Amino acid sequence: MTEYTDHHAPEGLRTRGTVIVVPGRGETRETYTRLGRRLAADAYRVRVVDAPDLDADDDLGSQLADFGARLAAAGDGTTGENGTGGGTENGIVRPVVLVGADTGALAVAALVGAADTVTGLRPDAVVLAGLPGRTTGAVDAAGTWDDELDLRTSCPAHRGRLTDDTRVRRGALGESVPEALLAAAYGSEADVPALILVGDADPLADHDAIVRTAKSLPRARLSTVRGGHHDVLNDLQHRSVAAEIVTFLEALRNELVPLIAVETSAW
C-alpha cells in the first residue's frame, strides 16, 4: 500500500506548486479528499500522507527526523507530465507547502522550527490548521462519537465522511499530545512564511498561545474562521478556508505580495 494519496492538477495546466497535507489524530488520507481535489483544481499538485505517530516516551528529535524523511520521500517524483509553473528541484515542483492539521500541524511546526536543522524536505511555506492546545477538558467530556463529531465539525458532509471511513480512529481526540511536541511547535523558530488557521469555535485551541506564536514568527498570518470548529479545513466554511489557502499560495509565488488589494468597499 502506498503511503500517500495524490490529487493532480487538471490535464493541460502547468503545475503551480506542490502541497503535502499531513492529517491529525484519528484522521486518514481520505479525510482530505475534498480539500485535495479543490487545491488540485487550481493547478497545485497535492499529496496527502498518513498522520504522524509521535510517542511521548520516545525522543522527539529522532521522531521528527523520521517524519522529515517520510515527507521527503512523499515529495519525490511529484513532478507531473504537465510541467512546472515554478522551479523544479529533485523532481519536486516549487513552491513546496506543508499543510498540517491538529497534531499534524504541531509536527510540521516543530519540524520546520527546529533550531538544529532536521534532515528532510525543505518547505517554502507552511499552513498550520487547528493547532491543539494543552487543555483536554472538552475532549474528556465527549464520551460518544456524536460528541466527538461536535468538537470536530458542524459540516454534515464531513461528519458523514468521518463516520463512514472505517479507518478513522474514534476517540482519537482524547489522546494526549506529547508535551515536548507542544513546546517545540509553540516555540517554533520557523523562518518560512506561515498561514495559521483556527476556528473561533474550536474548543481544543489555545487561542492566546496561537496568537503569541503567530506574533513571534517573522512571516506569519493568523486567520480566524468564524464559527469554525477543530477540523477547520473541513468544517462548514471549507470553501472559504480553501480560498484563503489558495490566496496564500498565490501570494507566496509573488514574494508574499497579495495579487488583489481592496481599494474601497462598503462591507
C-alpha atoms as a PDB file:
ATOM      1  CA  MET A   1       0.000   0.000   0.000  1.00  0.00           C
ATOM      2  CA  THR A   2       1.304   3.470  -0.862  1.00  0.00           C
ATOM      3  CA  GLU A   3       1.865   5.919   1.963  1.00  0.00           C
ATOM      4  CA  TYR A   4       0.162   8.816   0.228  1.00  0.00           C
ATOM      5  CA  THR A   5      -2.817   9.811  -1.898  1.00  0.00           C
ATOM      6  CA  ASP A   6      -2.414  12.026  -4.965  1.00  0.00           C
ATOM      7  CA  HIS A   7      -4.580  14.775  -6.399  1.00  0.00           C
ATOM      8  CA  HIS A   8      -3.346  16.041  -9.753  1.00  0.00           C
ATOM      9  CA  ALA A   9      -3.711  19.365 -11.494  1.00  0.00           C
ATOM     10  CA  PRO A  10      -6.079  19.330 -14.486  1.00  0.00           C
ATOM     11  CA  GLU A  11      -4.558  17.925 -17.644  1.00  0.00           C
ATOM     12  CA  GLY A  12      -3.030  20.608 -19.828  1.00  0.00           C
ATOM     13  CA  LEU A  13      -2.286  23.028 -16.985  1.00  0.00           C
ATOM     14  CA  ARG A  14       1.189  23.653 -15.651  1.00  0.00           C
ATOM     15  CA  THR A  15       1.617  22.661 -12.027  1.00  0.00           C
ATOM     16  CA  ARG A  16       1.959  25.779  -9.869  1.00  0.00           C
ATOM     17  CA  GLY A  17       3.447  24.135  -6.794  1.00  0.00           C
ATOM     18  CA  THR A  18       3.384  21.124  -4.506  1.00  0.00           C
ATOM     19  CA  VAL A  19       1.183  20.803  -1.427  1.00  0.00           C
ATOM     20  CA  ILE A  20       1.757  17.985   1.062  1.00  0.00           C
ATOM     21  CA  VAL A  21      -1.068  17.502   3.560  1.00  0.00           C
ATOM     22  CA  VAL A  22      -0.413  15.970   6.995  1.00  0.00           C
ATOM     23  CA  PRO A  23      -3.557  14.770   8.845  1.00  0.00           C
ATOM     24  CA  GLY A  24      -4.076  14.826  12.602  1.00  0.00           C
ATOM     25  CA  ARG A  25      -5.284  12.474  15.310  1.00  0.00           C
ATOM     26  CA  GLY A  26      -7.641   9.780  14.140  1.00  0.00           C
ATOM     27  CA  GLU A  27      -7.778  11.071  10.574  1.00  0.00           C
ATOM     28  CA  THR A  28      -6.923   9.226   7.372  1.00  0.00           C
ATOM     29  CA  ARG A  29      -5.801  10.368   3.951  1.00  0.00           C
ATOM     30  CA  GLU A  30      -9.409  10.091   2.780  1.00  0.00           C
ATOM     31  CA  THR A  31     -10.353  12.788   5.304  1.00  0.00           C
ATOM     32  CA  TYR A  32      -8.692  15.328   2.993  1.00  0.00           C
ATOM     33  CA  THR A  33     -10.110  14.200  -0.344  1.00  0.00           C
ATOM     34  CA  ARG A  34     -12.316  17.290  -0.675  1.00  0.00           C
ATOM     35  CA  LEU A  35      -9.508  19.715   0.165  1.00  0.00           C
ATOM     36  CA  GLY A  36      -7.046  17.878  -2.060  1.00  0.00           C
ATOM     37  CA  ARG A  37      -9.349  17.975  -5.062  1.00  0.00           C
ATOM     38  CA  ARG A  38     -10.135  21.650  -4.556  1.00  0.00           C
ATOM     39  CA  LEU A  39      -6.467  22.715  -4.357  1.00  0.00           C
ATOM     40  CA  ALA A  40      -5.580  20.459  -7.281  1.00  0.00           C
ATOM     41  CA  ALA A  41      -8.296  22.123  -9.373  1.00  0.00           C
ATOM     42  CA  ASP A  42      -6.258  25.330  -9.061  1.00  0.00           C
ATOM     43  CA  ALA A  43      -3.280  23.522 -10.621  1.00  0.00           C
ATOM     44  CA  TYR A  44      -1.429  22.539  -7.451  1.00  0.00           C
ATOM     45  CA  ARG A  45      -0.067  19.030  -7.065  1.00  0.00           C
ATOM     46  CA  VAL A  46      -1.454  17.703  -3.794  1.00  0.00           C
ATOM     47  CA  ARG A  47      -0.169  14.674  -1.947  1.00  0.00           C
ATOM     48  CA  VAL A  48      -1.740  13.531   1.337  1.00  0.00           C
ATOM     49  CA  VAL A  49       0.385  11.425   3.690  1.00  0.00           C
ATOM     50  CA  ASP A  50      -0.572   9.381   6.736  1.00  0.00           C
ATOM     51  CA  ALA A  51      -0.875  11.118  10.094  1.00  0.00           C
ATOM     52  CA  PRO A  52       2.340  11.127  12.136  1.00  0.00           C
ATOM     53  CA  ASP A  53       2.508   8.768  15.097  1.00  0.00           C
ATOM     54  CA  LEU A  54       4.593  10.567  17.720  1.00  0.00           C
ATOM     55  CA  ASP A  55       5.179   8.792  21.028  1.00  0.00           C
ATOM     56  CA  ALA A  56       5.677  10.839  24.193  1.00  0.00           C
ATOM     57  CA  ASP A  57       8.055   8.175  25.512  1.00  0.00           C
ATOM     58  CA  ASP A  58      10.442   8.394  22.540  1.00  0.00           C
ATOM     59  CA  ASP A  59      12.994  11.056  21.698  1.00  0.00           C
ATOM     60  CA  LEU A  60      11.235  13.869  19.817  1.00  0.00           C
ATOM     61  CA  GLY A  61      14.300  14.781  17.773  1.00  0.00           C
ATOM     62  CA  SER A  62      14.664  11.330  16.267  1.00  0.00           C
ATOM     63  CA  GLN A  63      10.929  11.118  15.646  1.00  0.00           C
ATOM     64  CA  LEU A  64      10.970  14.458  13.836  1.00  0.00           C
ATOM     65  CA  ALA A  65      13.938  13.255  11.764  1.00  0.00           C
ATOM     66  CA  ASP A  66      11.937  10.181  10.740  1.00  0.00           C
ATOM     67  CA  PHE A  67       8.926  12.378   9.997  1.00  0.00           C
ATOM     68  CA  GLY A  68      11.056  14.703   7.868  1.00  0.00           C
ATOM     69  CA  ALA A  69      12.485  11.753   5.953  1.00  0.00           C
ATOM     70  CA  ARG A  70       8.965  10.464   5.300  1.00  0.00           C
ATOM     71  CA  LEU A  71       7.902  13.851   3.959  1.00  0.00           C
ATOM     72  CA  ALA A  72      10.974  13.941   1.727  1.00  0.00           C
ATOM     73  CA  ALA A  73      10.075  10.517   0.349  1.00  0.00           C
ATOM     74  CA  ALA A  74       6.493  11.678  -0.224  1.00  0.00           C
ATOM     75  CA  GLY A  75       7.772  14.668  -2.171  1.00  0.00           C
ATOM     76  CA  ASP A  76       9.881  12.563  -4.521  1.00  0.00           C
ATOM     77  CA  GLY A  77       8.573  12.305  -8.042  1.00  0.00           C
ATOM     78  CA  THR A  78       5.662  14.700  -7.698  1.00  0.00           C
ATOM     79  CA  THR A  79       6.552  16.431 -10.961  1.00  0.00           C
ATOM     80  CA  GLY A  80       3.843  15.520 -13.443  1.00  0.00           C
ATOM     81  CA  GLU A  81       3.785  15.402 -17.211  1.00  0.00           C
ATOM     82  CA  ASN A  82       2.134  18.821 -17.256  1.00  0.00           C
ATOM     83  CA  GLY A  83       5.426  20.508 -16.394  1.00  0.00           C
ATOM     84  CA  THR A  84       6.064  23.222 -13.868  1.00  0.00           C
ATOM     85  CA  GLY A  85       4.879  26.671 -13.015  1.00  0.00           C
ATOM     86  CA  GLY A  86       7.723  27.343 -10.631  1.00  0.00           C
ATOM     87  CA  GLY A  87      11.169  25.877 -10.166  1.00  0.00           C
ATOM     88  CA  THR A  88      11.786  22.156 -10.099  1.00  0.00           C
ATOM     89  CA  GLU A  89      14.173  20.709  -7.538  1.00  0.00           C
ATOM     90  CA  ASN A  90      14.886  16.975  -7.319  1.00  0.00           C
ATOM     91  CA  GLY A  91      11.635  16.203  -9.093  1.00  0.00           C
ATOM     92  CA  ILE A  92       9.530  18.480  -6.864  1.00  0.00           C
ATOM     93  CA  VAL A  93       7.666  21.476  -8.245  1.00  0.00           C
ATOM     94  CA  ARG A  94       8.231  24.521  -6.049  1.00  0.00           C
ATOM     95  CA  PRO A  95       6.992  26.247  -4.067  1.00  0.00           C
ATOM     96  CA  VAL A  96       6.515  23.305  -1.700  1.00  0.00           C
ATOM     97  CA  VAL A  97       3.995  23.932   1.079  1.00  0.00           C
ATOM     98  CA  LEU A  98       3.318  21.648   4.044  1.00  0.00           C
ATOM     99  CA  VAL A  99      -0.283  21.746   5.289  1.00  0.00           C
ATOM    100  CA  GLY A 100      -0.799  20.222   8.728  1.00  0.00           C
ATOM    101  CA  ALA A 101      -3.927  19.720  10.818  1.00  0.00           C
ATOM    102  CA  ASP A 102      -4.167  19.098  14.569  1.00  0.00           C
ATOM    103  CA  THR A 103      -1.091  17.087  15.646  1.00  0.00           C
ATOM    104  CA  GLY A 104      -0.023  17.060  12.001  1.00  0.00           C
ATOM    105  CA  ALA A 105       0.224  20.856  12.280  1.00  0.00           C
ATOM    106  CA  LEU A 106       2.206  20.540  15.518  1.00  0.00           C
ATOM    107  CA  ALA A 107       4.614  18.112  13.845  1.00  0.00           C
ATOM    108  CA  VAL A 108       5.084  20.415  10.849  1.00  0.00           C
ATOM    109  CA  ALA A 109       5.667  23.454  13.076  1.00  0.00           C
ATOM    110  CA  ALA A 110       8.150  21.565  15.242  1.00  0.00           C
ATOM    111  CA  LEU A 111       9.964  20.172  12.194  1.00  0.00           C
ATOM    112  CA  VAL A 112      10.476  23.457  10.356  1.00  0.00           C
ATOM    113  CA  GLY A 113      11.144  25.359  13.567  1.00  0.00           C
ATOM    114  CA  ALA A 114      13.835  23.115  14.978  1.00  0.00           C
ATOM    115  CA  ALA A 115      16.907  25.115  15.934  1.00  0.00           C
ATOM    116  CA  ASP A 116      19.122  22.357  14.585  1.00  0.00           C
ATOM    117  CA  THR A 117      18.167  21.547  11.003  1.00  0.00           C
ATOM    118  CA  VAL A 118      16.299  18.270  10.660  1.00  0.00           C
ATOM    119  CA  THR A 119      17.145  16.367   7.523  1.00  0.00           C
ATOM    120  CA  GLY A 120      14.180  16.127   5.186  1.00  0.00           C
ATOM    121  CA  LEU A 121      12.054  18.059   2.749  1.00  0.00           C
ATOM    122  CA  ARG A 122      12.725  21.810   2.803  1.00  0.00           C
ATOM    123  CA  PRO A 123       9.356  23.592   2.545  1.00  0.00           C
ATOM    124  CA  ASP A 124       8.911  27.083   1.157  1.00  0.00           C
ATOM    125  CA  ALA A 125       5.953  27.730   3.478  1.00  0.00           C
ATOM    126  CA  VAL A 126       3.588  26.030   5.891  1.00  0.00           C
ATOM    127  CA  VAL A 127      -0.122  26.076   6.684  1.00  0.00           C
ATOM    128  CA  LEU A 128      -0.940  25.187  10.289  1.00  0.00           C
ATOM    129  CA  ALA A 129      -4.618  24.412  10.871  1.00  0.00           C
ATOM    130  CA  GLY A 130      -6.396  23.532  14.095  1.00  0.00           C
ATOM    131  CA  LEU A 131      -3.354  23.632  16.367  1.00  0.00           C
ATOM    132  CA  PRO A 132      -4.417  21.920  19.602  1.00  0.00           C
ATOM    133  CA  GLY A 133      -3.606  23.365  22.998  1.00  0.00           C
ATOM    134  CA  ARG A 134      -2.643  21.708  26.247  1.00  0.00           C
ATOM    135  CA  THR A 135      -6.120  21.530  27.732  1.00  0.00           C
ATOM    136  CA  THR A 136      -8.159  18.389  27.007  1.00  0.00           C
ATOM    137  CA  GLY A 137     -11.166  19.055  29.209  1.00  0.00           C
ATOM    138  CA  ALA A 138     -13.520  19.426  26.262  1.00  0.00           C
ATOM    139  CA  VAL A 139     -12.365  16.083  24.885  1.00  0.00           C
ATOM    140  CA  ASP A 140     -12.662  14.309  28.231  1.00  0.00           C
ATOM    141  CA  ALA A 141     -16.297  15.372  28.388  1.00  0.00           C
ATOM    142  CA  ALA A 142     -17.063  13.926  24.955  1.00  0.00           C
ATOM    143  CA  GLY A 143     -17.964  10.320  25.558  1.00  0.00           C
ATOM    144  CA  THR A 144     -19.802   9.411  22.363  1.00  0.00           C
ATOM    145  CA  TRP A 145     -18.945   9.544  18.689  1.00  0.00           C
ATOM    146  CA  ASP A 146     -21.544  12.262  18.130  1.00  0.00           C
ATOM    147  CA  ASP A 147     -19.918  14.293  20.890  1.00  0.00           C
ATOM    148  CA  GLU A 148     -16.524  13.930  19.212  1.00  0.00           C
ATOM    149  CA  LEU A 149     -18.028  14.939  15.881  1.00  0.00           C
ATOM    150  CA  ASP A 150     -19.459  18.035  17.552  1.00  0.00           C
ATOM    151  CA  LEU A 151     -15.934  19.002  18.590  1.00  0.00           C
ATOM    152  CA  ARG A 152     -14.652  18.441  15.093  1.00  0.00           C
ATOM    153  CA  THR A 153     -17.220  19.923  12.763  1.00  0.00           C
ATOM    154  CA  SER A 154     -20.756  21.052  12.049  1.00  0.00           C
ATOM    155  CA  CYS A 155     -20.487  20.135   8.357  1.00  0.00           C
ATOM    156  CA  PRO A 156     -22.890  17.256   7.550  1.00  0.00           C
ATOM    157  CA  ALA A 157     -20.742  16.039   4.643  1.00  0.00           C
ATOM    158  CA  HIS A 158     -17.590  15.925   6.760  1.00  0.00           C
ATOM    159  CA  ARG A 159     -19.409  14.213   9.631  1.00  0.00           C
ATOM    160  CA  GLY A 160     -20.619  11.610   7.172  1.00  0.00           C
ATOM    161  CA  ARG A 161     -17.158  11.049   5.694  1.00  0.00           C
ATOM    162  CA  LEU A 162     -15.621  10.561   9.140  1.00  0.00           C
ATOM    163  CA  THR A 163     -18.418   8.219  10.197  1.00  0.00           C
ATOM    164  CA  ASP A 164     -18.287   6.108   7.040  1.00  0.00           C
ATOM    165  CA  ASP A 165     -14.480   5.782   6.991  1.00  0.00           C
ATOM    166  CA  THR A 166     -13.769   2.586   8.946  1.00  0.00           C
ATOM    167  CA  ARG A 167     -10.096   3.559   9.296  1.00  0.00           C
ATOM    168  CA  VAL A 168     -10.865   6.715  11.294  1.00  0.00           C
ATOM    169  CA  ARG A 169      -9.905   6.113  14.938  1.00  0.00           C
ATOM    170  CA  ARG A 170     -12.829   7.117  17.074  1.00  0.00           C
ATOM    171  CA  GLY A 171     -11.889   8.703  20.371  1.00  0.00           C
ATOM    172  CA  ALA A 172      -8.544   9.875  18.961  1.00  0.00           C
ATOM    173  CA  LEU A 173      -9.105  13.456  20.102  1.00  0.00           C
ATOM    174  CA  GLY A 174      -8.952  12.141  23.654  1.00  0.00           C
ATOM    175  CA  GLU A 175      -5.359  11.024  23.167  1.00  0.00           C
ATOM    176  CA  SER A 176      -2.841  13.211  24.951  1.00  0.00           C
ATOM    177  CA  VAL A 177      -0.417  15.292  22.926  1.00  0.00           C
ATOM    178  CA  PRO A 178       3.257  14.913  23.886  1.00  0.00           C
ATOM    179  CA  GLU A 179       4.348  17.925  25.936  1.00  0.00           C
ATOM    180  CA  ALA A 180       7.665  18.061  24.088  1.00  0.00           C
ATOM    181  CA  LEU A 181       5.804  18.332  20.773  1.00  0.00           C
ATOM    182  CA  LEU A 182       3.594  21.152  22.058  1.00  0.00           C
ATOM    183  CA  ALA A 183       6.615  23.038  23.382  1.00  0.00           C
ATOM    184  CA  ALA A 184       8.526  22.610  20.123  1.00  0.00           C
ATOM    185  CA  ALA A 185       5.583  23.702  17.978  1.00  0.00           C
ATOM    186  CA  TYR A 186       4.577  26.740  20.027  1.00  0.00           C
ATOM    187  CA  GLY A 187       8.206  27.715  20.499  1.00  0.00           C
ATOM    188  CA  SER A 188       8.945  27.274  16.806  1.00  0.00           C
ATOM    189  CA  GLU A 189      11.594  29.478  15.237  1.00  0.00           C
ATOM    190  CA  ALA A 190      10.406  28.779  11.699  1.00  0.00           C
ATOM    191  CA  ASP A 191      11.599  31.406   9.242  1.00  0.00           C
ATOM    192  CA  VAL A 192       9.377  30.289   6.353  1.00  0.00           C
ATOM    193  CA  PRO A 193       6.056  32.032   5.623  1.00  0.00           C
ATOM    194  CA  ALA A 194       3.247  30.550   7.701  1.00  0.00           C
ATOM    195  CA  LEU A 195      -0.521  30.719   7.388  1.00  0.00           C
ATOM    196  CA  ILE A 196      -2.158  29.767  10.698  1.00  0.00           C
ATOM    197  CA  LEU A 197      -5.847  28.844  10.604  1.00  0.00           C
ATOM    198  CA  VAL A 198      -8.018  28.497  13.704  1.00  0.00           C
ATOM    199  CA  GLY A 199     -11.761  28.300  14.223  1.00  0.00           C
ATOM    200  CA  ASP A 200     -13.163  30.719  16.783  1.00  0.00           C
ATOM    201  CA  ALA A 201     -15.440  27.882  17.989  1.00  0.00           C
ATOM    202  CA  ASP A 202     -12.594  25.369  18.320  1.00  0.00           C
ATOM    203  CA  PRO A 203     -12.796  24.048  21.916  1.00  0.00           C
ATOM    204  CA  LEU A 204      -9.359  22.412  21.652  1.00  0.00           C
ATOM    205  CA  ALA A 205      -7.433  25.516  20.637  1.00  0.00           C
ATOM    206  CA  ASP A 206      -5.392  27.660  22.993  1.00  0.00           C
ATOM    207  CA  HIS A 207      -6.206  30.910  21.219  1.00  0.00           C
ATOM    208  CA  ASP A 208      -3.876  33.032  23.335  1.00  0.00           C
ATOM    209  CA  ALA A 209      -0.939  30.706  22.665  1.00  0.00           C
ATOM    210  CA  ILE A 210      -1.708  30.694  18.935  1.00  0.00           C
ATOM    211  CA  VAL A 211      -1.743  34.498  18.832  1.00  0.00           C
ATOM    212  CA  ARG A 212       1.576  34.659  20.696  1.00  0.00           C
ATOM    213  CA  THR A 213       3.136  32.149  18.322  1.00  0.00           C
ATOM    214  CA  ALA A 214       1.857  33.984  15.248  1.00  0.00           C
ATOM    215  CA  LYS A 215       3.286  37.266  16.532  1.00  0.00           C
ATOM    216  CA  SER A 216       6.638  35.668  17.340  1.00  0.00           C
ATOM    217  CA  LEU A 217       7.202  34.319  13.832  1.00  0.00           C
ATOM    218  CA  PRO A 218       8.831  36.643  11.283  1.00  0.00           C
ATOM    219  CA  ARG A 219       6.407  35.921   8.428  1.00  0.00           C
ATOM    220  CA  ALA A 220       3.124  34.593   9.790  1.00  0.00           C
ATOM    221  CA  ARG A 221      -0.505  35.338   9.101  1.00  0.00           C
ATOM    222  CA  LEU A 222      -3.190  34.263  11.558  1.00  0.00           C
ATOM    223  CA  SER A 223      -6.649  33.803  10.028  1.00  0.00           C
ATOM    224  CA  THR A 224      -9.611  33.117  12.318  1.00  0.00           C
ATOM    225  CA  VAL A 225     -12.561  31.239  10.827  1.00  0.00           C
ATOM    226  CA  ARG A 226     -15.870  32.468  12.183  1.00  0.00           C
ATOM    227  CA  GLY A 227     -17.896  29.580  13.548  1.00  0.00           C
ATOM    228  CA  GLY A 228     -15.113  27.150  12.727  1.00  0.00           C
ATOM    229  CA  HIS A 229     -14.627  24.036  14.851  1.00  0.00           C
ATOM    230  CA  HIS A 230     -11.480  21.940  15.335  1.00  0.00           C
ATOM    231  CA  ASP A 231     -11.452  20.396  11.830  1.00  0.00           C
ATOM    232  CA  VAL A 232     -11.140  23.873  10.369  1.00  0.00           C
ATOM    233  CA  LEU A 233     -10.027  22.597   6.942  1.00  0.00           C
ATOM    234  CA  ASN A 234     -13.200  20.538   6.610  1.00  0.00           C
ATOM    235  CA  ASP A 235     -15.866  22.471   8.501  1.00  0.00           C
ATOM    236  CA  LEU A 236     -18.862  24.306   7.041  1.00  0.00           C
ATOM    237  CA  GLN A 237     -16.560  27.123   5.909  1.00  0.00           C
ATOM    238  CA  HIS A 238     -14.328  24.764   3.886  1.00  0.00           C
ATOM    239  CA  ARG A 239     -14.802  26.720   0.636  1.00  0.00           C
ATOM    240  CA  SER A 240     -13.638  29.985   2.199  1.00  0.00           C
ATOM    241  CA  VAL A 241     -10.801  28.221   4.013  1.00  0.00           C
ATOM    242  CA  ALA A 242      -9.607  26.617   0.770  1.00  0.00           C
ATOM    243  CA  ALA A 243      -9.810  30.032  -0.903  1.00  0.00           C
ATOM    244  CA  GLU A 244      -7.679  31.502   1.900  1.00  0.00           C
ATOM    245  CA  ILE A 245      -5.085  28.787   1.316  1.00  0.00           C
ATOM    246  CA  VAL A 246      -5.064  29.379  -2.440  1.00  0.00           C
ATOM    247  CA  THR A 247      -4.705  33.127  -1.839  1.00  0.00           C
ATOM    248  CA  PHE A 248      -1.709  32.351   0.381  1.00  0.00           C
ATOM    249  CA  LEU A 249      -0.208  30.015  -2.232  1.00  0.00           C
ATOM    250  CA  GLU A 250      -0.578  32.613  -4.965  1.00  0.00           C
ATOM    251  CA  ALA A 251       0.915  35.358  -2.781  1.00  0.00           C
ATOM    252  CA  LEU A 252       3.802  33.027  -1.974  1.00  0.00           C
ATOM    253  CA  ARG A 253       4.531  32.708  -5.685  1.00  0.00           C
ATOM    254  CA  ASN A 254       4.560  36.510  -5.819  1.00  0.00           C
ATOM    255  CA  GLU A 255       7.062  37.039  -2.974  1.00  0.00           C
ATOM    256  CA  LEU A 256       4.196  37.347  -0.451  1.00  0.00           C
ATOM    257  CA  VAL A 257       2.754  40.363  -2.241  1.00  0.00           C
ATOM    258  CA  PRO A 258      -1.056  39.955  -2.459  1.00  0.00           C
ATOM    259  CA  LEU A 259      -2.293  39.869  -6.027  1.00  0.00           C
ATOM    260  CA  ILE A 260      -5.542  41.651  -5.094  1.00  0.00           C
ATOM    261  CA  ALA A 261      -5.761  44.795  -2.995  1.00  0.00           C
ATOM    262  CA  VAL A 262      -9.103  46.261  -1.900  1.00  0.00           C
ATOM    263  CA  GLU A 263      -9.210  49.963  -2.747  1.00  0.00           C
ATOM    264  CA  THR A 264     -12.635  50.717  -1.349  1.00  0.00           C
ATOM    265  CA  SER A 265     -15.522  48.679  -0.007  1.00  0.00           C
ATOM    266  CA  ALA A 266     -18.913  49.255   1.574  1.00  0.00           C
ATOM    267  CA  TRP A 267     -18.752  45.998   3.546  1.00  0.00           C
END
